[in-house]
PDB file of N, CA and C in Angstrom:
ATOM      1  N   MET A   1       4.401 -50.046  40.547  1.00  0.00           N
ATOM      2  CA  MET A   1       4.969 -51.481  40.255  1.00  0.00           C
ATOM      3  C   MET A   1       6.789 -51.220  39.914  1.00  0.00           C
ATOM      4  N   MET A   2       6.795 -50.387  39.621  1.00  0.00           N
ATOM      5  CA  MET A   2       8.260 -50.095  39.078  1.00  0.00           C
ATOM      6  C   MET A   2       9.527 -49.811  40.257  1.00  0.00           C
ATOM      7  N   VAL A   3       8.442 -49.068  41.607  1.00  0.00           N
ATOM      8  CA  VAL A   3       9.326 -48.922  42.433  1.00  0.00           C
ATOM      9  C   VAL A   3      10.186 -50.379  43.198  1.00  0.00           C
ATOM     10  N   GLY A   4       8.879 -51.274  43.077  1.00  0.00           N
ATOM     11  CA  GLY A   4       9.195 -52.508  43.702  1.00  0.00           C
ATOM     12  C   GLY A   4      10.407 -52.952  43.330  1.00  0.00           C
ATOM     13  N   ASN A   5      10.307 -53.066  41.994  1.00  0.00           N
ATOM     14  CA  ASN A   5      11.756 -53.632  41.380  1.00  0.00           C
ATOM     15  C   ASN A   5      12.957 -53.531  41.655  1.00  0.00           C
ATOM     16  N   LEU A   6      12.722 -51.630  41.554  1.00  0.00           N
ATOM     17  CA  LEU A   6      14.020 -51.118  41.773  1.00  0.00           C
ATOM     18  C   LEU A   6      14.671 -51.171  43.346  1.00  0.00           C
ATOM     19  N   THR A   7      13.721 -51.635  43.898  1.00  0.00           N
ATOM     20  CA  THR A   7      13.730 -51.621  45.741  1.00  0.00           C
ATOM     21  C   THR A   7      14.631 -52.831  45.780  1.00  0.00           C
ATOM     22  N   GLU A   8      13.692 -53.902  45.141  1.00  0.00           N
ATOM     23  CA  GLU A   8      14.457 -55.408  45.305  1.00  0.00           C
ATOM     24  C   GLU A   8      16.100 -55.419  44.418  1.00  0.00           C
ATOM     25  N   SER A   9      15.766 -54.770  43.019  1.00  0.00           N
ATOM     26  CA  SER A   9      17.438 -54.784  42.843  1.00  0.00           C
ATOM     27  C   SER A   9      18.812 -54.288  43.830  1.00  0.00           C
ATOM     28  N   TRP A  10      18.037 -52.992  44.134  1.00  0.00           N
ATOM     29  CA  TRP A  10      19.223 -52.599  45.193  1.00  0.00           C
ATOM     30  C   TRP A  10      19.441 -53.237  46.828  1.00  0.00           C
ATOM     31  N   LEU A  11      18.336 -53.888  46.977  1.00  0.00           N
ATOM     32  CA  LEU A  11      18.230 -54.786  48.103  1.00  0.00           C
ATOM     33  C   LEU A  11      19.533 -56.105  47.795  1.00  0.00           C
ATOM     34  N   ARG A  12      19.228 -56.384  46.624  1.00  0.00           N
ATOM     35  CA  ARG A  12      20.206 -57.437  46.030  1.00  0.00           C
ATOM     36  C   ARG A  12      21.697 -57.043  45.892  1.00  0.00           C
ATOM     37  N   LYS A  13      22.034 -55.896  45.395  1.00  0.00           N
ATOM     38  CA  LYS A  13      22.645 -55.091  45.296  1.00  0.00           C
ATOM     39  C   LYS A  13      23.814 -54.895  46.824  1.00  0.00           C
ATOM     40  N   LEU A  14      22.897 -54.456  48.026  1.00  0.00           N
ATOM     41  CA  LEU A  14      23.498 -54.488  48.987  1.00  0.00           C
ATOM     42  C   LEU A  14      23.838 -55.294  49.856  1.00  0.00           C
ATOM     43  N   ASP A  15      22.826 -56.508  49.853  1.00  0.00           N
ATOM     44  CA  ASP A  15      23.312 -57.935  50.419  1.00  0.00           C
ATOM     45  C   ASP A  15      24.654 -58.545  49.588  1.00  0.00           C
ATOM     46  N   SER A  16      24.855 -58.731  48.370  1.00  0.00           N
ATOM     47  CA  SER A  16      25.923 -58.798  47.693  1.00  0.00           C
ATOM     48  C   SER A  16      27.027 -58.535  48.679  1.00  0.00           C
ATOM     49  N   MET A  17      27.050 -56.722  48.810  1.00  0.00           N
ATOM     50  CA  MET A  17      28.118 -56.031  48.862  1.00  0.00           C
ATOM     51  C   MET A  17      28.389 -56.695  50.510  1.00  0.00           C
ATOM     52  N   LEU A  18      27.207 -56.146  51.257  1.00  0.00           N
ATOM     53  CA  LEU A  18      27.538 -56.641  52.750  1.00  0.00           C
ATOM     54  C   LEU A  18      28.112 -58.135  53.012  1.00  0.00           C
ATOM     55  N   ARG A  19      28.183 -59.141  52.133  1.00  0.00           N
ATOM     56  CA  ARG A  19      28.410 -60.395  52.270  1.00  0.00           C
ATOM     57  C   ARG A  19      29.949 -60.525  51.638  1.00  0.00           C
ATOM     58  N   ALA A  20      30.083 -59.737  50.696  1.00  0.00           N
ATOM     59  CA  ALA A  20      31.431 -59.561  50.113  1.00  0.00           C
ATOM     60  C   ALA A  20      32.552 -59.104  51.378  1.00  0.00           C
ATOM     61  N   LEU A  21      31.712 -57.829  52.247  1.00  0.00           N
ATOM     62  CA  LEU A  21      32.680 -56.988  53.259  1.00  0.00           C
ATOM     63  C   LEU A  21      32.949 -58.134  54.082  1.00  0.00           C
ATOM     64  N   ASN A  22      32.091 -58.708  54.735  1.00  0.00           N
ATOM     65  CA  ASN A  22      31.798 -59.841  55.736  1.00  0.00           C
ATOM     66  C   ASN A  22      32.824 -60.727  55.353  1.00  0.00           C
ATOM     67  N   GLN A  23      33.213 -61.489  54.111  1.00  0.00           N
ATOM     68  CA  GLN A  23      33.949 -62.367  53.743  1.00  0.00           C
ATOM     69  C   GLN A  23      35.633 -61.769  54.001  1.00  0.00           C
ATOM     70  N   THR A  24      35.775 -60.590  53.145  1.00  0.00           N
ATOM     71  CA  THR A  24      37.015 -59.643  53.254  1.00  0.00           C
ATOM     72  C   THR A  24      36.916 -59.988  55.343  1.00  0.00           C
ATOM     73  N   LEU A  25      36.446 -59.420  55.912  1.00  0.00           N
ATOM     74  CA  LEU A  25      36.707 -58.742  57.567  1.00  0.00           C
ATOM     75  C   LEU A  25      37.103 -60.381  58.189  1.00  0.00           C
ATOM     76  N   HIS A  26      36.594 -61.414  57.792  1.00  0.00           N
ATOM     77  CA  HIS A  26      36.743 -62.760  58.329  1.00  0.00           C
ATOM     78  C   HIS A  26      38.134 -63.478  57.799  1.00  0.00           C
ATOM     79  N   HIS A  27      38.400 -63.148  56.815  1.00  0.00           N
ATOM     80  CA  HIS A  27      39.868 -63.667  55.903  1.00  0.00           C
ATOM     81  C   HIS A  27      40.618 -63.170  55.619  1.00  0.00           C
ATOM     82  N   VAL A  28      41.055 -62.361  56.830  1.00  0.00           N
ATOM     83  CA  VAL A  28      42.165 -61.158  56.881  1.00  0.00           C
ATOM     84  C   VAL A  28      43.425 -62.054  56.414  1.00  0.00           C
ATOM     85  N   GLU A  29      44.343 -61.814  55.482  1.00  0.00           N
ATOM     86  CA  GLU A  29      45.762 -62.246  55.189  1.00  0.00           C
ATOM     87  C   GLU A  29      46.836 -61.401  56.035  1.00  0.00           C
ATOM     88  N   PRO A  30      47.381 -61.867  56.340  1.00  0.00           N
ATOM     89  CA  PRO A  30      48.500 -61.407  57.328  1.00  0.00           C
ATOM     90  C   PRO A  30      49.616 -60.287  56.221  1.00  0.00           C
ATOM     91  N   CYS A  31      49.620 -59.213  56.475  1.00  0.00           N
ATOM     92  CA  CYS A  31      50.964 -58.533  55.467  1.00  0.00           C
ATOM     93  C   CYS A  31      52.326 -59.200  55.380  1.00  0.00           C
ATOM     94  N   PRO A  32      52.668 -59.090  54.418  1.00  0.00           N
ATOM     95  CA  PRO A  32      54.111 -60.040  54.214  1.00  0.00           C
ATOM     96  C   PRO A  32      55.413 -59.186  55.032  1.00  0.00           C
ATOM     97  N   LEU A  33      56.234 -60.122  55.829  1.00  0.00           N
ATOM     98  CA  LEU A  33      57.497 -59.684  56.686  1.00  0.00           C
ATOM     99  C   LEU A  33      58.139 -58.466  55.810  1.00  0.00           C
ATOM    100  N   HIS A  34      58.641 -58.881  54.799  1.00  0.00           N
ATOM    101  CA  HIS A  34      59.337 -58.160  53.731  1.00  0.00           C
ATOM    102  C   HIS A  34      58.809 -57.170  52.639  1.00  0.00           C
ATOM    103  N   ALA A  35      58.041 -56.091  52.847  1.00  0.00           N
ATOM    104  CA  ALA A  35      57.201 -55.442  52.023  1.00  0.00           C
ATOM    105  C   ALA A  35      58.283 -54.271  51.503  1.00  0.00           C
ATOM    106  N   SER A  36      58.109 -54.821  50.101  1.00  0.00           N
ATOM    107  CA  SER A  36      59.156 -53.736  49.551  1.00  0.00           C
ATOM    108  C   SER A  36      58.450 -52.652  48.419  1.00  0.00           C
ATOM    109  N   HIS A  37      59.152 -51.586  48.830  1.00  0.00           N
ATOM    110  CA  HIS A  37      58.659 -50.329  47.827  1.00  0.00           C
ATOM    111  C   HIS A  37      58.665 -50.378  46.354  1.00  0.00           C
ATOM    112  N   GLU A  38      57.888 -49.559  46.061  1.00  0.00           N
ATOM    113  CA  GLU A  38      58.923 -49.626  44.465  1.00  0.00           C
ATOM    114  C   GLU A  38      59.717 -48.071  44.300  1.00  0.00           C
ATOM    115  N   ASP A  39      61.086 -48.644  44.449  1.00  0.00           N
ATOM    116  CA  ASP A  39      62.083 -47.821  44.227  1.00  0.00           C
ATOM    117  C   ASP A  39      61.854 -46.562  45.074  1.00  0.00           C
ATOM    118  N   GLY A  40      61.964 -47.398  46.522  1.00  0.00           N
ATOM    119  CA  GLY A  40      61.309 -46.408  47.527  1.00  0.00           C
ATOM    120  C   GLY A  40      60.717 -44.966  47.425  1.00  0.00           C
ATOM    121  N   LYS A  41      59.453 -45.491  46.588  1.00  0.00           N
ATOM    122  CA  LYS A  41      58.433 -44.189  46.160  1.00  0.00           C
ATOM    123  C   LYS A  41      58.147 -43.819  47.582  1.00  0.00           C
ATOM    124  N   GLU A  42      57.435 -44.415  48.079  1.00  0.00           N
ATOM    125  CA  GLU A  42      57.047 -44.431  49.590  1.00  0.00           C
ATOM    126  C   GLU A  42      57.852 -43.978  50.640  1.00  0.00           C
ATOM    127  N   SER A  43      59.176 -44.584  50.655  1.00  0.00           N
ATOM    128  CA  SER A  43      59.533 -43.691  51.882  1.00  0.00           C
ATOM    129  C   SER A  43      59.670 -42.616  52.347  1.00  0.00           C
ATOM    130  N   TYR A  44      59.665 -41.568  51.442  1.00  0.00           N
ATOM    131  CA  TYR A  44      59.659 -40.359  51.924  1.00  0.00           C
ATOM    132  C   TYR A  44      58.353 -39.395  52.021  1.00  0.00           C
ATOM    133  N   ALA A  45      57.118 -40.353  51.876  1.00  0.00           N
ATOM    134  CA  ALA A  45      55.930 -39.682  51.534  1.00  0.00           C
ATOM    135  C   ALA A  45      55.440 -38.993  52.704  1.00  0.00           C
ATOM    136  N   TYR A  46      55.956 -39.037  54.032  1.00  0.00           N
ATOM    137  CA  TYR A  46      55.402 -38.567  55.284  1.00  0.00           C
ATOM    138  C   TYR A  46      56.547 -37.625  55.474  1.00  0.00           C
ATOM    139  N   LEU A  47      57.614 -37.267  54.888  1.00  0.00           N
ATOM    140  CA  LEU A  47      58.237 -36.176  54.928  1.00  0.00           C
ATOM    141  C   LEU A  47      57.787 -35.131  54.055  1.00  0.00           C
ATOM    142  N   TYR A  48      57.160 -35.320  52.977  1.00  0.00           N
ATOM    143  CA  TYR A  48      56.878 -34.641  52.305  1.00  0.00           C
ATOM    144  C   TYR A  48      55.631 -34.098  52.570  1.00  0.00           C
ATOM    145  N   ILE A  49      54.877 -34.872  53.467  1.00  0.00           N
ATOM    146  CA  ILE A  49      53.424 -34.291  53.645  1.00  0.00           C
ATOM    147  C   ILE A  49      53.525 -33.383  55.087  1.00  0.00           C
ATOM    148  N   LEU A  50      54.476 -33.780  55.721  1.00  0.00           N
ATOM    149  CA  LEU A  50      55.074 -32.544  57.018  1.00  0.00           C
ATOM    150  C   LEU A  50      55.410 -31.129  56.382  1.00  0.00           C
ATOM    151  N   PHE A  51      56.554 -31.409  55.276  1.00  0.00           N
ATOM    152  CA  PHE A  51      56.790 -30.019  54.656  1.00  0.00           C
ATOM    153  C   PHE A  51      55.646 -29.325  54.010  1.00  0.00           C
ATOM    154  N   VAL A  52      54.642 -30.080  53.406  1.00  0.00           N
ATOM    155  CA  VAL A  52      53.588 -28.821  53.080  1.00  0.00           C
ATOM    156  C   VAL A  52      52.924 -28.495  54.233  1.00  0.00           C
ATOM    157  N   MET A  53      52.547 -29.580  55.543  1.00  0.00           N
ATOM    158  CA  MET A  53      51.533 -28.900  56.490  1.00  0.00           C
ATOM    159  C   MET A  53      52.506 -27.749  57.022  1.00  0.00           C
ATOM    160  N   ILE A  54      53.904 -27.951  57.091  1.00  0.00           N
ATOM    161  CA  ILE A  54      54.535 -26.670  58.011  1.00  0.00           C
ATOM    162  C   ILE A  54      54.568 -25.624  57.190  1.00  0.00           C
ATOM    163  N   LEU A  55      54.845 -25.150  55.684  1.00  0.00           N
ATOM    164  CA  LEU A  55      54.351 -24.775  55.018  1.00  0.00           C
ATOM    165  C   LEU A  55      52.958 -24.070  54.524  1.00  0.00           C
ATOM    166  N   PHE A  56      52.057 -24.340  54.842  1.00  0.00           N
ATOM    167  CA  PHE A  56      50.876 -24.514  55.172  1.00  0.00           C
ATOM    168  C   PHE A  56      50.635 -23.032  56.534  1.00  0.00           C
ATOM    169  N   ALA A  57      51.341 -23.873  57.646  1.00  0.00           N
ATOM    170  CA  ALA A  57      51.082 -23.324  58.586  1.00  0.00           C
ATOM    171  C   ALA A  57      51.776 -22.056  58.566  1.00  0.00           C
ATOM    172  N   VAL A  58      53.069 -21.712  57.895  1.00  0.00           N
ATOM    173  CA  VAL A  58      54.187 -20.367  58.107  1.00  0.00           C
ATOM    174  C   VAL A  58      53.040 -19.546  57.790  1.00  0.00           C
ATOM    175  N   THR A  59      52.563 -20.009  56.036  1.00  0.00           N
ATOM    176  CA  THR A  59      51.364 -19.213  55.114  1.00  0.00           C
ATOM    177  C   THR A  59      50.563 -18.414  56.298  1.00  0.00           C
ATOM    178  N   VAL A  60      49.649 -19.028  56.539  1.00  0.00           N
ATOM    179  CA  VAL A  60      48.715 -18.411  56.932  1.00  0.00           C
ATOM    180  C   VAL A  60      49.257 -17.827  59.059  1.00  0.00           C
ATOM    181  N   GLY A  61      49.951 -18.620  59.217  1.00  0.00           N
ATOM    182  CA  GLY A  61      50.650 -17.583  60.698  1.00  0.00           C
ATOM    183  C   GLY A  61      51.104 -16.498  60.025  1.00  0.00           C
ATOM    184  N   SER A  62      51.905 -16.243  58.961  1.00  0.00           N
ATOM    185  CA  SER A  62      52.033 -15.102  58.306  1.00  0.00           C
ATOM    186  C   SER A  62      51.026 -13.965  58.009  1.00  0.00           C
ATOM    187  N   LEU A  63      49.893 -14.503  57.577  1.00  0.00           N
ATOM    188  CA  LEU A  63      49.133 -13.496  57.240  1.00  0.00           C
ATOM    189  C   LEU A  63      47.801 -13.419  58.395  1.00  0.00           C
ATOM    190  N   ILE A  64      47.756 -13.936  59.429  1.00  0.00           N
ATOM    191  CA  ILE A  64      47.742 -13.389  60.332  1.00  0.00           C
ATOM    192  C   ILE A  64      48.172 -12.573  61.347  1.00  0.00           C
ATOM    193  N   LEU A  65      49.707 -13.206  61.368  1.00  0.00           N
ATOM    194  CA  LEU A  65      49.978 -11.626  61.938  1.00  0.00           C
ATOM    195  C   LEU A  65      50.264 -10.078  61.166  1.00  0.00           C
ATOM    196  N   GLY A  66      50.439 -10.524  59.558  1.00  0.00           N
ATOM    197  CA  GLY A  66      50.246  -9.573  59.078  1.00  0.00           C
ATOM    198  C   GLY A  66      48.814  -8.675  59.427  1.00  0.00           C
ATOM    199  N   TYR A  67      48.212  -9.429  59.418  1.00  0.00           N
ATOM    200  CA  TYR A  67      46.591  -8.751  59.678  1.00  0.00           C
ATOM    201  C   TYR A  67      46.509  -7.793  61.012  1.00  0.00           C
ATOM    202  N   THR A  68      46.880  -8.970  61.645  1.00  0.00           N
ATOM    203  CA  THR A  68      46.747  -8.003  63.246  1.00  0.00           C
ATOM    204  C   THR A  68      48.001  -6.879  63.615  1.00  0.00           C
ATOM    205  N   ARG A  69      48.913  -7.243  62.951  1.00  0.00           N
ATOM    206  CA  ARG A  69      49.910  -5.816  63.136  1.00  0.00           C
ATOM    207  C   ARG A  69      49.286  -4.723  61.986  1.00  0.00           C
ATOM    208  N   SER A  70      48.632  -4.746  61.104  1.00  0.00           N
ATOM    209  CA  SER A  70      48.209  -4.147  60.365  1.00  0.00           C
ATOM    210  C   SER A  70      47.222  -2.785  61.018  1.00  0.00           C
ATOM    211  N   GLY A  71      46.461  -3.399  61.832  1.00  0.00           N
ATOM    212  CA  GLY A  71      45.625  -2.944  62.953  1.00  0.00           C
ATOM    213  C   GLY A  71      46.281  -1.758  63.634  1.00  0.00           C
ATOM    214  N   LYS A  72      47.481  -2.391  64.177  1.00  0.00           N
ATOM    215  CA  LYS A  72      47.878  -1.694  65.023  1.00  0.00           C
ATOM    216  C   LYS A  72      48.664  -0.085  64.795  1.00  0.00           C
ATOM    217  N   GLU A  73      49.019  -0.182  63.111  1.00  0.00           N
ATOM    218  CA  GLU A  73      49.288   1.094  62.070  1.00  0.00           C
ATOM    219  C   GLU A  73      48.358   2.019  62.089  1.00  0.00           C
ATOM    220  N   VAL A  74      47.268   1.675  62.514  1.00  0.00           N
ATOM    221  CA  VAL A  74      46.211   2.770  61.794  1.00  0.00           C
ATOM    222  C   VAL A  74      46.539   4.143  62.561  1.00  0.00           C
ATOM    223  N   ASP A  75      46.584   5.342  62.287  1.00  0.00           N
ATOM    224  CA  ASP A  75      46.788   6.720  62.747  1.00  0.00           C
ATOM    225  C   ASP A  75      45.151   7.118  63.323  1.00  0.00           C
ATOM    226  N   LYS A  76      45.553   6.852  64.630  1.00  0.00           N
ATOM    227  CA  LYS A  76      44.355   7.359  65.362  1.00  0.00           C
ATOM    228  C   LYS A  76      43.989   8.754  65.057  1.00  0.00           C
ATOM    229  N   GLN A  77      44.716   9.740  64.682  1.00  0.00           N
ATOM    230  CA  GLN A  77      44.116  11.414  64.129  1.00  0.00           C
ATOM    231  C   GLN A  77      44.043  11.123  63.206  1.00  0.00           C
ATOM    232  N   SER A  78      43.797  10.281  62.139  1.00  0.00           N
ATOM    233  CA  SER A  78      42.950  10.614  60.971  1.00  0.00           C
ATOM    234  C   SER A  78      41.659   9.888  60.909  1.00  0.00           C
ATOM    235  N   ASP A  79      41.148   9.009  61.949  1.00  0.00           N
ATOM    236  CA  ASP A  79      40.084   8.061  62.351  1.00  0.00           C
ATOM    237  C   ASP A  79      39.097   9.385  62.221  1.00  0.00           C
ATOM    238  N   PRO A  80      38.028   8.980  61.075  1.00  0.00           N
ATOM    239  CA  PRO A  80      36.957   9.532  61.366  1.00  0.00           C
ATOM    240  C   PRO A  80      36.439   9.992  62.917  1.00  0.00           C
ATOM    241  N   TYR A  81      36.448   8.977  63.378  1.00  0.00           N
ATOM    242  CA  TYR A  81      35.469   8.890  64.344  1.00  0.00           C
ATOM    243  C   TYR A  81      36.358   9.832  65.770  1.00  0.00           C
ATOM    244  N   HIS A  82      37.464   9.547  65.973  1.00  0.00           N
ATOM    245  CA  HIS A  82      38.482  10.242  66.759  1.00  0.00           C
ATOM    246  C   HIS A  82      38.419  11.750  66.095  1.00  0.00           C
ATOM    247  N   VAL A  83      38.015  12.523  64.954  1.00  0.00           N
ATOM    248  CA  VAL A  83      38.266  13.587  64.734  1.00  0.00           C
ATOM    249  C   VAL A  83      36.555  13.660  65.039  1.00  0.00           C
ATOM    250  N   TYR A  84      35.866  13.253  65.325  1.00  0.00           N
ATOM    251  CA  TYR A  84      34.394  13.721  65.245  1.00  0.00           C
ATOM    252  C   TYR A  84      34.345  14.112  66.829  1.00  0.00           C
ATOM    253  N   ILE A  85      34.692  13.397  67.839  1.00  0.00           N
ATOM    254  CA  ILE A  85      34.589  13.259  69.137  1.00  0.00           C
ATOM    255  C   ILE A  85      35.679  14.470  69.608  1.00  0.00           C
ATOM    256  N   LYS A  86      36.591  14.652  69.171  1.00  0.00           N
ATOM    257  CA  LYS A  86      37.775  15.566  68.965  1.00  0.00           C
ATOM    258  C   LYS A  86      36.895  17.088  68.853  1.00  0.00           C
ATOM    259  N   ASN A  87      36.189  17.079  67.798  1.00  0.00           N
ATOM    260  CA  ASN A  87      34.949  18.232  67.670  1.00  0.00           C
ATOM    261  C   ASN A  87      34.269  18.462  68.285  1.00  0.00           C
ATOM    262  N   ARG A  88      33.374  17.651  68.579  1.00  0.00           N
ATOM    263  CA  ARG A  88      32.388  17.630  69.746  1.00  0.00           C
ATOM    264  C   ARG A  88      33.066  18.000  70.740  1.00  0.00           C
ATOM    265  N   ALA A  89      34.233  17.509  71.487  1.00  0.00           N
ATOM    266  CA  ALA A  89      34.683  17.876  72.858  1.00  0.00           C
ATOM    267  C   ALA A  89      35.116  19.361  73.050  1.00  0.00           C
ATOM    268  N   SER A  90      35.517  19.865  71.679  1.00  0.00           N
ATOM    269  CA  SER A  90      35.874  21.369  71.906  1.00  0.00           C
ATOM    270  C   SER A  90      34.522  22.243  71.743  1.00  0.00           C
ATOM    271  N   MET A  91      33.958  21.776  71.360  1.00  0.00           N
ATOM    272  CA  MET A  91      32.650  22.396  71.222  1.00  0.00           C
ATOM    273  C   MET A  91      31.523  22.886  72.582  1.00  0.00           C
ATOM    274  N   ILE A  92      31.650  21.823  73.554  1.00  0.00           N
ATOM    275  CA  ILE A  92      31.543  22.311  74.858  1.00  0.00           C
ATOM    276  C   ILE A  92      32.157  22.794  75.336  1.00  0.00           C
TER     277      ILE A  92
END
């Protein structure tokens, strides 16, 4: 019996939300021509986002380059696999 009551209240809430959304979509008011920003707070927001994205890209790029270049600096003579191959080749 409780399930029916919960479903009905949920359906009523969903219906009211959809009606409000429908009214909002059909009664769109145009934006004012001269929208004023509060003391220019939003005027450089895109520059800040661009700066953060560039900083992130440089950081990730330097990490990737550092990791890939560190693999090239490994001395193959001290690598245990190459030492084993060298010892096996001298035995044959």
